[in-house]
Amino acid sequence: MKITAQTVWSDVLAIRRQAPLVHNITNYVAMNTTANALLAIGASPVMAHAQEEVSDMVGIAKALVINIGTLSEKWIQSMQKAMLQAKSRGVPIVLDPVGAGATPYRTETALQLLSVAPVAIIRGNASEIMAIVQSGTKTKGVDSLAASESAVFAARELNRVHGSVVCISGEIDYIVSGDIILQVKNGHVMMPRVTGLGCTASALCGAFLAVNTSALAAAVHAMAVMGIAGELAAEQAKGPGSLQLHFLDMLYALTESNIITRIKLAP
């Protein structure tokens, strides 16, 4: 499969045309940011966590995004229930193992969820990806202590065991599927200063997965759009606060020309 600026743009148009419902079981910190980003790109977000409705909501969704940022036992049960329904209905799943490695509870929860149903895309920072594979790998809260390239071996192991496309976000984003390792070199150094943008990347993976049956293409397309919107936003921002504002605007106003002139992909 060849991924180009044109394939990215084709999926952006598909999202805008179809407005796919993306069901998020995500964290309190990122809920508003991710919902706004999904709306800006053209998708339809829903944040439903109650066990009483998650199965019904998955039933009308085109993708399910699971994010373990703010954990509780009830939420974990809702996540499991939603994932089982997604499995039965063929709805693709994105898992964001936020903070895996920071505490045993988080790491064990991520591993437990991976055993519930097949996950199309696992997206996390380097420390989180390594923590799922290698016990003892530490995470600084929800921030990575490692560069993204250091997690490529762990990502390949995750892909081998679970069959998931693994997306490692960082200064360079690595997307791993079997023998394929692709790099997305878009983005801006100010982006990690805005809370919830990593979670937003996972939500965007869900939006692209809703319109593209290839998890590899969906992950690459999402990270490219994320990085390009971040670059465009940074050119107008005075700091992290205004970066977040302009980031949403850039997602909404993104053009084919923006993608063609800025996309930075490498094998």
C-alpha atoms as a PDB file:
ATOM      1  CA  MET A   1       0.000   0.000   0.000  1.00  0.00           C
ATOM      2  CA  LYS A   2       1.350   3.389  -0.994  1.00  0.00           C
ATOM      3  CA  ILE A   3       0.501   6.262   1.321  1.00  0.00           C
ATOM      4  CA  THR A   4       0.658   9.731  -0.205  1.00  0.00           C
ATOM      5  CA  ALA A   5      -0.664  13.231   0.319  1.00  0.00           C
ATOM      6  CA  GLN A   6      -3.532  12.277  -1.989  1.00  0.00           C
ATOM      7  CA  THR A   7      -4.551   9.241   0.100  1.00  0.00           C
ATOM      8  CA  VAL A   8      -4.496  11.416   3.231  1.00  0.00           C
ATOM      9  CA  TRP A   9      -6.674  14.037   1.574  1.00  0.00           C
ATOM     10  CA  SER A  10      -9.062  11.392   0.252  1.00  0.00           C
ATOM     11  CA  ASP A  11      -9.701  10.233   3.820  1.00  0.00           C
ATOM     12  CA  VAL A  12     -10.139  13.799   5.084  1.00  0.00           C
ATOM     13  CA  LEU A  13     -12.828  14.302   2.428  1.00  0.00           C
ATOM     14  CA  ALA A  14     -14.441  10.988   3.398  1.00  0.00           C
ATOM     15  CA  ILE A  15     -14.610  12.047   7.052  1.00  0.00           C
ATOM     16  CA  ARG A  16     -16.122  15.398   6.118  1.00  0.00           C
ATOM     17  CA  ARG A  17     -18.649  13.746   3.810  1.00  0.00           C
ATOM     18  CA  GLN A  18     -19.646  10.827   6.057  1.00  0.00           C
ATOM     19  CA  ALA A  19     -19.322  12.474   9.503  1.00  0.00           C
ATOM     20  CA  PRO A  20     -18.718   9.062  11.116  1.00  0.00           C
ATOM     21  CA  LEU A  21     -19.767   8.586  14.734  1.00  0.00           C
ATOM     22  CA  VAL A  22     -16.670   7.950  16.850  1.00  0.00           C
ATOM     23  CA  HIS A  23     -17.471   6.530  20.280  1.00  0.00           C
ATOM     24  CA  ASN A  24     -14.902   7.587  22.894  1.00  0.00           C
ATOM     25  CA  ILE A  25     -14.485   6.156  26.354  1.00  0.00           C
ATOM     26  CA  THR A  26     -11.808   8.611  27.305  1.00  0.00           C
ATOM     27  CA  ASN A  27     -10.506  10.660  30.216  1.00  0.00           C
ATOM     28  CA  TYR A  28     -11.836  13.770  31.929  1.00  0.00           C
ATOM     29  CA  VAL A  29      -8.746  15.814  31.041  1.00  0.00           C
ATOM     30  CA  ALA A  30      -8.965  15.290  27.285  1.00  0.00           C
ATOM     31  CA  MET A  31     -12.696  14.878  26.731  1.00  0.00           C
ATOM     32  CA  ASN A  32     -13.440  18.407  25.540  1.00  0.00           C
ATOM     33  CA  THR A  33     -10.279  18.694  23.447  1.00  0.00           C
ATOM     34  CA  THR A  34     -10.810  15.399  21.652  1.00  0.00           C
ATOM     35  CA  ALA A  35     -14.489  16.067  21.013  1.00  0.00           C
ATOM     36  CA  ASN A  36     -13.704  19.465  19.497  1.00  0.00           C
ATOM     37  CA  ALA A  37     -10.914  18.009  17.345  1.00  0.00           C
ATOM     38  CA  LEU A  38     -13.226  15.323  15.985  1.00  0.00           C
ATOM     39  CA  LEU A  39     -15.857  17.936  15.189  1.00  0.00           C
ATOM     40  CA  ALA A  40     -13.242  20.147  13.528  1.00  0.00           C
ATOM     41  CA  ILE A  41     -12.012  17.381  11.209  1.00  0.00           C
ATOM     42  CA  GLY A  42     -15.619  16.557  10.325  1.00  0.00           C
ATOM     43  CA  ALA A  43     -16.401  13.500  12.461  1.00  0.00           C
ATOM     44  CA  SER A  44     -19.203  13.148  15.009  1.00  0.00           C
ATOM     45  CA  PRO A  45     -17.925  12.467  18.553  1.00  0.00           C
ATOM     46  CA  VAL A  46     -19.791  10.875  21.425  1.00  0.00           C
ATOM     47  CA  MET A  47     -18.418  10.438  24.951  1.00  0.00           C
ATOM     48  CA  ALA A  48     -20.460   7.649  26.525  1.00  0.00           C
ATOM     49  CA  HIS A  49     -19.151   5.790  29.573  1.00  0.00           C
ATOM     50  CA  ALA A  50     -22.163   4.337  31.390  1.00  0.00           C
ATOM     51  CA  GLN A  51     -22.365   0.553  31.305  1.00  0.00           C
ATOM     52  CA  GLU A  52     -26.090   0.876  30.672  1.00  0.00           C
ATOM     53  CA  GLU A  53     -25.562   2.416  27.213  1.00  0.00           C
ATOM     54  CA  VAL A  54     -22.084   1.630  25.888  1.00  0.00           C
ATOM     55  CA  SER A  55     -23.230  -1.451  23.974  1.00  0.00           C
ATOM     56  CA  ASP A  56     -26.021   0.458  22.276  1.00  0.00           C
ATOM     57  CA  MET A  57     -23.694   3.335  21.435  1.00  0.00           C
ATOM     58  CA  VAL A  58     -21.074   1.042  19.922  1.00  0.00           C
ATOM     59  CA  GLY A  59     -23.893  -0.423  17.854  1.00  0.00           C
ATOM     60  CA  ILE A  60     -24.317   2.843  15.947  1.00  0.00           C
ATOM     61  CA  ALA A  61     -20.644   3.899  15.913  1.00  0.00           C
ATOM     62  CA  LYS A  62     -18.096   3.508  13.123  1.00  0.00           C
ATOM     63  CA  ALA A  63     -15.113   3.336  15.489  1.00  0.00           C
ATOM     64  CA  LEU A  64     -14.449   2.901  19.218  1.00  0.00           C
ATOM     65  CA  VAL A  65     -11.620   4.745  20.993  1.00  0.00           C
ATOM     66  CA  ILE A  66     -10.580   3.469  24.428  1.00  0.00           C
ATOM     67  CA  ASN A  67      -8.395   5.781  26.528  1.00  0.00           C
ATOM     68  CA  ILE A  68      -7.287   4.809  30.065  1.00  0.00           C
ATOM     69  CA  GLY A  69      -6.236   8.284  31.175  1.00  0.00           C
ATOM     70  CA  THR A  70      -8.551   8.570  34.197  1.00  0.00           C
ATOM     71  CA  LEU A  71      -9.237   5.056  35.404  1.00  0.00           C
ATOM     72  CA  SER A  72     -11.882   3.626  37.681  1.00  0.00           C
ATOM     73  CA  GLU A  73     -13.177   0.095  38.039  1.00  0.00           C
ATOM     74  CA  LYS A  74     -16.588   1.040  36.615  1.00  0.00           C
ATOM     75  CA  TRP A  75     -15.000   2.656  33.585  1.00  0.00           C
ATOM     76  CA  ILE A  76     -12.851  -0.412  32.970  1.00  0.00           C
ATOM     77  CA  GLN A  77     -15.980  -2.554  33.015  1.00  0.00           C
ATOM     78  CA  SER A  78     -17.595  -0.179  30.523  1.00  0.00           C
ATOM     79  CA  MET A  79     -14.512  -0.386  28.313  1.00  0.00           C
ATOM     80  CA  GLN A  80     -14.621  -4.173  28.340  1.00  0.00           C
ATOM     81  CA  LYS A  81     -18.325  -4.226  27.570  1.00  0.00           C
ATOM     82  CA  ALA A  82     -17.917  -1.760  24.705  1.00  0.00           C
ATOM     83  CA  MET A  83     -14.973  -3.682  23.256  1.00  0.00           C
ATOM     84  CA  LEU A  84     -16.907  -6.963  23.292  1.00  0.00           C
ATOM     85  CA  GLN A  85     -19.784  -5.279  21.459  1.00  0.00           C
ATOM     86  CA  ALA A  86     -17.354  -3.748  18.961  1.00  0.00           C
ATOM     87  CA  LYS A  87     -15.863  -7.196  18.356  1.00  0.00           C
ATOM     88  CA  SER A  88     -19.284  -8.719  17.724  1.00  0.00           C
ATOM     89  CA  ARG A  89     -20.301  -5.934  15.329  1.00  0.00           C
ATOM     90  CA  GLY A  90     -16.985  -5.511  13.511  1.00  0.00           C
ATOM     91  CA  VAL A  91     -16.415  -1.976  14.788  1.00  0.00           C
ATOM     92  CA  PRO A  92     -12.665  -1.139  14.754  1.00  0.00           C
ATOM     93  CA  ILE A  93     -11.022  -0.268  18.073  1.00  0.00           C
ATOM     94  CA  VAL A  94      -8.248   2.178  18.991  1.00  0.00           C
ATOM     95  CA  LEU A  95      -6.527   1.756  22.367  1.00  0.00           C
ATOM     96  CA  ASP A  96      -4.577   4.570  24.046  1.00  0.00           C
ATOM     97  CA  PRO A  97      -2.701   3.108  27.062  1.00  0.00           C
ATOM     98  CA  VAL A  98      -2.239   6.482  28.777  1.00  0.00           C
ATOM     99  CA  GLY A  99       0.331   6.326  31.565  1.00  0.00           C
ATOM    100  CA  ALA A 100       1.101   2.612  31.183  1.00  0.00           C
ATOM    101  CA  GLY A 101       4.270   2.054  33.175  1.00  0.00           C
ATOM    102  CA  ALA A 102       3.468   4.774  35.712  1.00  0.00           C
ATOM    103  CA  THR A 103       1.628   2.317  37.987  1.00  0.00           C
ATOM    104  CA  PRO A 104       1.034  -1.452  37.867  1.00  0.00           C
ATOM    105  CA  TYR A 105      -2.722  -0.758  37.744  1.00  0.00           C
ATOM    106  CA  ARG A 106      -2.432   1.141  34.476  1.00  0.00           C
ATOM    107  CA  THR A 107      -0.114  -1.373  32.853  1.00  0.00           C
ATOM    108  CA  GLU A 108      -2.263  -4.319  33.923  1.00  0.00           C
ATOM    109  CA  THR A 109      -5.411  -2.575  32.692  1.00  0.00           C
ATOM    110  CA  ALA A 110      -3.887  -1.979  29.253  1.00  0.00           C
ATOM    111  CA  LEU A 111      -2.856  -5.625  29.003  1.00  0.00           C
ATOM    112  CA  GLN A 112      -6.247  -6.786  30.219  1.00  0.00           C
ATOM    113  CA  LEU A 113      -8.069  -4.707  27.626  1.00  0.00           C
ATOM    114  CA  LEU A 114      -5.855  -6.077  24.867  1.00  0.00           C
ATOM    115  CA  SER A 115      -7.068  -9.563  25.818  1.00  0.00           C
ATOM    116  CA  VAL A 116     -10.766  -8.619  25.543  1.00  0.00           C
ATOM    117  CA  ALA A 117     -11.038  -7.980  21.805  1.00  0.00           C
ATOM    118  CA  PRO A 118      -8.811  -7.388  18.774  1.00  0.00           C
ATOM    119  CA  VAL A 119      -7.495  -3.819  18.669  1.00  0.00           C
ATOM    120  CA  ALA A 120      -6.883  -2.258  15.253  1.00  0.00           C
ATOM    121  CA  ILE A 121      -4.532   0.522  16.442  1.00  0.00           C
ATOM    122  CA  ILE A 122      -2.561   0.958  19.650  1.00  0.00           C
ATOM    123  CA  ARG A 123      -1.334   4.561  19.955  1.00  0.00           C
ATOM    124  CA  GLY A 124       0.911   5.766  22.729  1.00  0.00           C
ATOM    125  CA  ASN A 125       4.216   7.405  23.517  1.00  0.00           C
ATOM    126  CA  ALA A 126       7.422   5.389  23.636  1.00  0.00           C
ATOM    127  CA  SER A 127       7.361   4.695  27.368  1.00  0.00           C
ATOM    128  CA  GLU A 128       3.760   3.525  27.262  1.00  0.00           C
ATOM    129  CA  ILE A 129       4.381   1.167  24.348  1.00  0.00           C
ATOM    130  CA  MET A 130       7.471  -0.293  25.979  1.00  0.00           C
ATOM    131  CA  ALA A 131       5.714  -0.673  29.336  1.00  0.00           C
ATOM    132  CA  ILE A 132       3.066  -2.917  27.809  1.00  0.00           C
ATOM    133  CA  VAL A 133       5.759  -5.218  26.451  1.00  0.00           C
ATOM    134  CA  GLN A 134       8.585  -4.904  28.970  1.00  0.00           C
ATOM    135  CA  SER A 135       7.813  -5.003  32.674  1.00  0.00           C
ATOM    136  CA  GLY A 136       9.785  -2.420  34.604  1.00  0.00           C
ATOM    137  CA  THR A 137       9.716   0.273  31.916  1.00  0.00           C
ATOM    138  CA  LYS A 138       8.813   3.521  33.662  1.00  0.00           C
ATOM    139  CA  THR A 139       6.642   6.419  32.545  1.00  0.00           C
ATOM    140  CA  LYS A 140       6.778   9.906  34.011  1.00  0.00           C
ATOM    141  CA  GLY A 141       3.087  10.214  34.789  1.00  0.00           C
ATOM    142  CA  VAL A 142       1.553  10.286  31.326  1.00  0.00           C
ATOM    143  CA  ASP A 143       4.695  11.694  29.676  1.00  0.00           C
ATOM    144  CA  SER A 144       7.321   9.635  27.911  1.00  0.00           C
ATOM    145  CA  LEU A 145      10.810   9.156  29.319  1.00  0.00           C
ATOM    146  CA  ALA A 146      12.049   7.711  26.024  1.00  0.00           C
ATOM    147  CA  ALA A 147      12.403   8.818  22.422  1.00  0.00           C
ATOM    148  CA  SER A 148       9.908   7.310  20.004  1.00  0.00           C
ATOM    149  CA  GLU A 149      12.511   5.341  18.038  1.00  0.00           C
ATOM    150  CA  SER A 150      13.515   3.430  21.175  1.00  0.00           C
ATOM    151  CA  ALA A 151      10.096   1.743  21.257  1.00  0.00           C
ATOM    152  CA  VAL A 152      10.141   0.341  17.713  1.00  0.00           C
ATOM    153  CA  PHE A 153      11.270  -3.126  18.851  1.00  0.00           C
ATOM    154  CA  ALA A 154       8.516  -3.210  21.494  1.00  0.00           C
ATOM    155  CA  ALA A 155       5.993  -2.040  18.890  1.00  0.00           C
ATOM    156  CA  ARG A 156       6.960  -4.883  16.584  1.00  0.00           C
ATOM    157  CA  GLU A 157       6.473  -7.345  19.428  1.00  0.00           C
ATOM    158  CA  LEU A 158       3.064  -5.867  20.241  1.00  0.00           C
ATOM    159  CA  ASN A 159       2.113  -6.165  16.593  1.00  0.00           C
ATOM    160  CA  ARG A 160       3.318  -9.777  16.468  1.00  0.00           C
ATOM    161  CA  VAL A 161       1.387 -10.827  19.572  1.00  0.00           C
ATOM    162  CA  HIS A 162      -1.829  -8.856  19.101  1.00  0.00           C
ATOM    163  CA  GLY A 163      -1.915  -8.083  15.378  1.00  0.00           C
ATOM    164  CA  SER A 164      -2.500  -4.394  16.092  1.00  0.00           C
ATOM    165  CA  VAL A 165      -0.925  -1.585  14.114  1.00  0.00           C
ATOM    166  CA  VAL A 166       1.206   0.257  16.683  1.00  0.00           C
ATOM    167  CA  CYS A 167       1.638   4.016  16.518  1.00  0.00           C
ATOM    168  CA  ILE A 168       4.432   5.523  18.631  1.00  0.00           C
ATOM    169  CA  SER A 169       4.061   9.281  18.865  1.00  0.00           C
ATOM    170  CA  GLY A 170       6.947  11.625  19.551  1.00  0.00           C
ATOM    171  CA  GLU A 171       9.208  14.067  17.757  1.00  0.00           C
ATOM    172  CA  ILE A 172       9.003  11.511  14.947  1.00  0.00           C
ATOM    173  CA  ASP A 173       5.928   9.286  14.862  1.00  0.00           C
ATOM    174  CA  TYR A 174       6.591   5.624  14.063  1.00  0.00           C
ATOM    175  CA  ILE A 175       3.794   3.434  12.725  1.00  0.00           C
ATOM    176  CA  VAL A 176       4.570  -0.278  12.839  1.00  0.00           C
ATOM    177  CA  SER A 177       2.790  -3.162  11.132  1.00  0.00           C
ATOM    178  CA  GLY A 178       4.681  -6.401  10.565  1.00  0.00           C
ATOM    179  CA  ASP A 179       7.820  -5.631   8.583  1.00  0.00           C
ATOM    180  CA  ILE A 180       6.517  -2.177   7.676  1.00  0.00           C
ATOM    181  CA  ILE A 181       7.825   0.752   9.712  1.00  0.00           C
ATOM    182  CA  LEU A 182       6.720   4.183   8.534  1.00  0.00           C
ATOM    183  CA  GLN A 183       7.743   7.563   9.927  1.00  0.00           C
ATOM    184  CA  VAL A 184       5.700  10.746  10.083  1.00  0.00           C
ATOM    185  CA  LYS A 185       7.967  13.729  10.693  1.00  0.00           C
ATOM    186  CA  ASN A 186       5.334  16.435  10.974  1.00  0.00           C
ATOM    187  CA  GLY A 187       4.524  18.355  14.141  1.00  0.00           C
ATOM    188  CA  HIS A 188       5.868  21.151  16.344  1.00  0.00           C
ATOM    189  CA  VAL A 189       7.838  21.257  19.596  1.00  0.00           C
ATOM    190  CA  MET A 190       5.075  23.254  21.291  1.00  0.00           C
ATOM    191  CA  MET A 191       2.488  20.496  20.860  1.00  0.00           C
ATOM    192  CA  PRO A 192       3.537  18.460  23.938  1.00  0.00           C
ATOM    193  CA  ARG A 193       2.864  21.604  26.007  1.00  0.00           C
ATOM    194  CA  VAL A 194      -0.870  21.265  25.373  1.00  0.00           C
ATOM    195  CA  THR A 195      -2.584  18.648  27.490  1.00  0.00           C
ATOM    196  CA  GLY A 196      -4.734  16.154  25.654  1.00  0.00           C
ATOM    197  CA  LEU A 197      -3.111  16.372  22.229  1.00  0.00           C
ATOM    198  CA  GLY A 198      -1.807  12.813  22.510  1.00  0.00           C
ATOM    199  CA  CYS A 199      -5.330  11.683  23.336  1.00  0.00           C
ATOM    200  CA  THR A 200      -6.508  13.756  20.383  1.00  0.00           C
ATOM    201  CA  ALA A 201      -4.159  11.806  18.112  1.00  0.00           C
ATOM    202  CA  SER A 202      -5.837   8.583  19.229  1.00  0.00           C
ATOM    203  CA  ALA A 203      -9.286  10.067  18.605  1.00  0.00           C
ATOM    204  CA  LEU A 204      -8.229  11.135  15.112  1.00  0.00           C
ATOM    205  CA  CYS A 205      -6.957   7.602  14.497  1.00  0.00           C
ATOM    206  CA  GLY A 206     -10.522   6.525  15.283  1.00  0.00           C
ATOM    207  CA  ALA A 207     -11.966   9.005  12.785  1.00  0.00           C
ATOM    208  CA  PHE A 208      -9.672   7.840   9.990  1.00  0.00           C
ATOM    209  CA  LEU A 209     -10.236   4.187  10.909  1.00  0.00           C
ATOM    210  CA  ALA A 210     -13.966   4.832  10.516  1.00  0.00           C
ATOM    211  CA  VAL A 211     -13.501   5.600   6.805  1.00  0.00           C
ATOM    212  CA  ASN A 212     -10.514   3.395   5.918  1.00  0.00           C
ATOM    213  CA  THR A 213     -10.371  -0.367   6.385  1.00  0.00           C
ATOM    214  CA  SER A 214      -6.554  -0.280   6.515  1.00  0.00           C
ATOM    215  CA  ALA A 215      -5.448   0.360  10.104  1.00  0.00           C
ATOM    216  CA  LEU A 216      -1.944   1.153   8.848  1.00  0.00           C
ATOM    217  CA  ALA A 217      -3.167   3.830   6.448  1.00  0.00           C
ATOM    218  CA  ALA A 218      -5.596   5.221   9.020  1.00  0.00           C
ATOM    219  CA  ALA A 219      -2.832   5.626  11.617  1.00  0.00           C
ATOM    220  CA  VAL A 220      -0.411   7.259   9.189  1.00  0.00           C
ATOM    221  CA  HIS A 221      -3.096   9.562   7.797  1.00  0.00           C
ATOM    222  CA  ALA A 222      -4.202  10.609  11.278  1.00  0.00           C
ATOM    223  CA  MET A 223      -0.682  11.376  12.485  1.00  0.00           C
ATOM    224  CA  ALA A 224       0.142  13.318   9.319  1.00  0.00           C
ATOM    225  CA  VAL A 225      -2.979  15.470   9.684  1.00  0.00           C
ATOM    226  CA  MET A 226      -2.270  15.918  13.389  1.00  0.00           C
ATOM    227  CA  GLY A 227       1.284  17.085  12.722  1.00  0.00           C
ATOM    228  CA  ILE A 228       0.437  19.349   9.813  1.00  0.00           C
ATOM    229  CA  ALA A 229      -2.371  21.032  11.755  1.00  0.00           C
ATOM    230  CA  GLY A 230       0.071  21.519  14.636  1.00  0.00           C
ATOM    231  CA  GLU A 231       2.634  23.155  12.356  1.00  0.00           C
ATOM    232  CA  LEU A 232       0.072  25.501  10.851  1.00  0.00           C
ATOM    233  CA  ALA A 233      -1.260  26.382  14.289  1.00  0.00           C
ATOM    234  CA  ALA A 234       2.214  27.086  15.676  1.00  0.00           C
ATOM    235  CA  GLU A 235       2.828  29.660  12.951  1.00  0.00           C
ATOM    236  CA  GLN A 236       0.004  31.747  14.402  1.00  0.00           C
ATOM    237  CA  ALA A 237       0.253  30.894  18.105  1.00  0.00           C
ATOM    238  CA  LYS A 238       2.002  32.882  20.815  1.00  0.00           C
ATOM    239  CA  GLY A 239       2.071  29.951  23.226  1.00  0.00           C
ATOM    240  CA  PRO A 240       0.369  26.682  24.171  1.00  0.00           C
ATOM    241  CA  GLY A 241      -2.991  28.337  24.916  1.00  0.00           C
ATOM    242  CA  SER A 242      -3.388  29.905  21.508  1.00  0.00           C
ATOM    243  CA  LEU A 243      -1.821  26.832  19.868  1.00  0.00           C
ATOM    244  CA  GLN A 244      -4.784  24.775  21.023  1.00  0.00           C
ATOM    245  CA  LEU A 245      -7.188  27.366  19.619  1.00  0.00           C
ATOM    246  CA  HIS A 246      -5.430  27.549  16.254  1.00  0.00           C
ATOM    247  CA  PHE A 247      -5.001  23.758  16.110  1.00  0.00           C
ATOM    248  CA  LEU A 248      -8.769  23.292  16.008  1.00  0.00           C
ATOM    249  CA  ASP A 249      -9.073  26.008  13.379  1.00  0.00           C
ATOM    250  CA  MET A 250      -6.404  24.355  11.232  1.00  0.00           C
ATOM    251  CA  LEU A 251      -8.109  20.954  11.419  1.00  0.00           C
ATOM    252  CA  TYR A 252     -11.318  22.596  10.276  1.00  0.00           C
ATOM    253  CA  ALA A 253      -9.685  24.603   7.476  1.00  0.00           C
ATOM    254  CA  LEU A 254      -7.175  21.967   6.321  1.00  0.00           C
ATOM    255  CA  THR A 255      -6.719  21.883   2.545  1.00  0.00           C
ATOM    256  CA  GLU A 256      -5.237  19.470   0.056  1.00  0.00           C
ATOM    257  CA  SER A 257      -2.508  22.034  -0.619  1.00  0.00           C
ATOM    258  CA  ASN A 258      -1.567  22.081   3.083  1.00  0.00           C
ATOM    259  CA  ILE A 259      -1.052  18.334   2.992  1.00  0.00           C
ATOM    260  CA  ILE A 260       0.817  18.224  -0.329  1.00  0.00           C
ATOM    261  CA  THR A 261       3.256  20.964   0.624  1.00  0.00           C
ATOM    262  CA  ARG A 262       3.911  19.868   4.211  1.00  0.00           C
ATOM    263  CA  ILE A 263       3.607  16.103   4.534  1.00  0.00           C
ATOM    264  CA  LYS A 264       6.831  14.421   5.660  1.00  0.00           C
ATOM    265  CA  LEU A 265       6.694  10.651   5.343  1.00  0.00           C
ATOM    266  CA  ALA A 266       9.629   8.285   5.396  1.00  0.00           C
ATOM    267  CA  PRO A 267      10.000   4.475   5.346  1.00  0.00           C
END
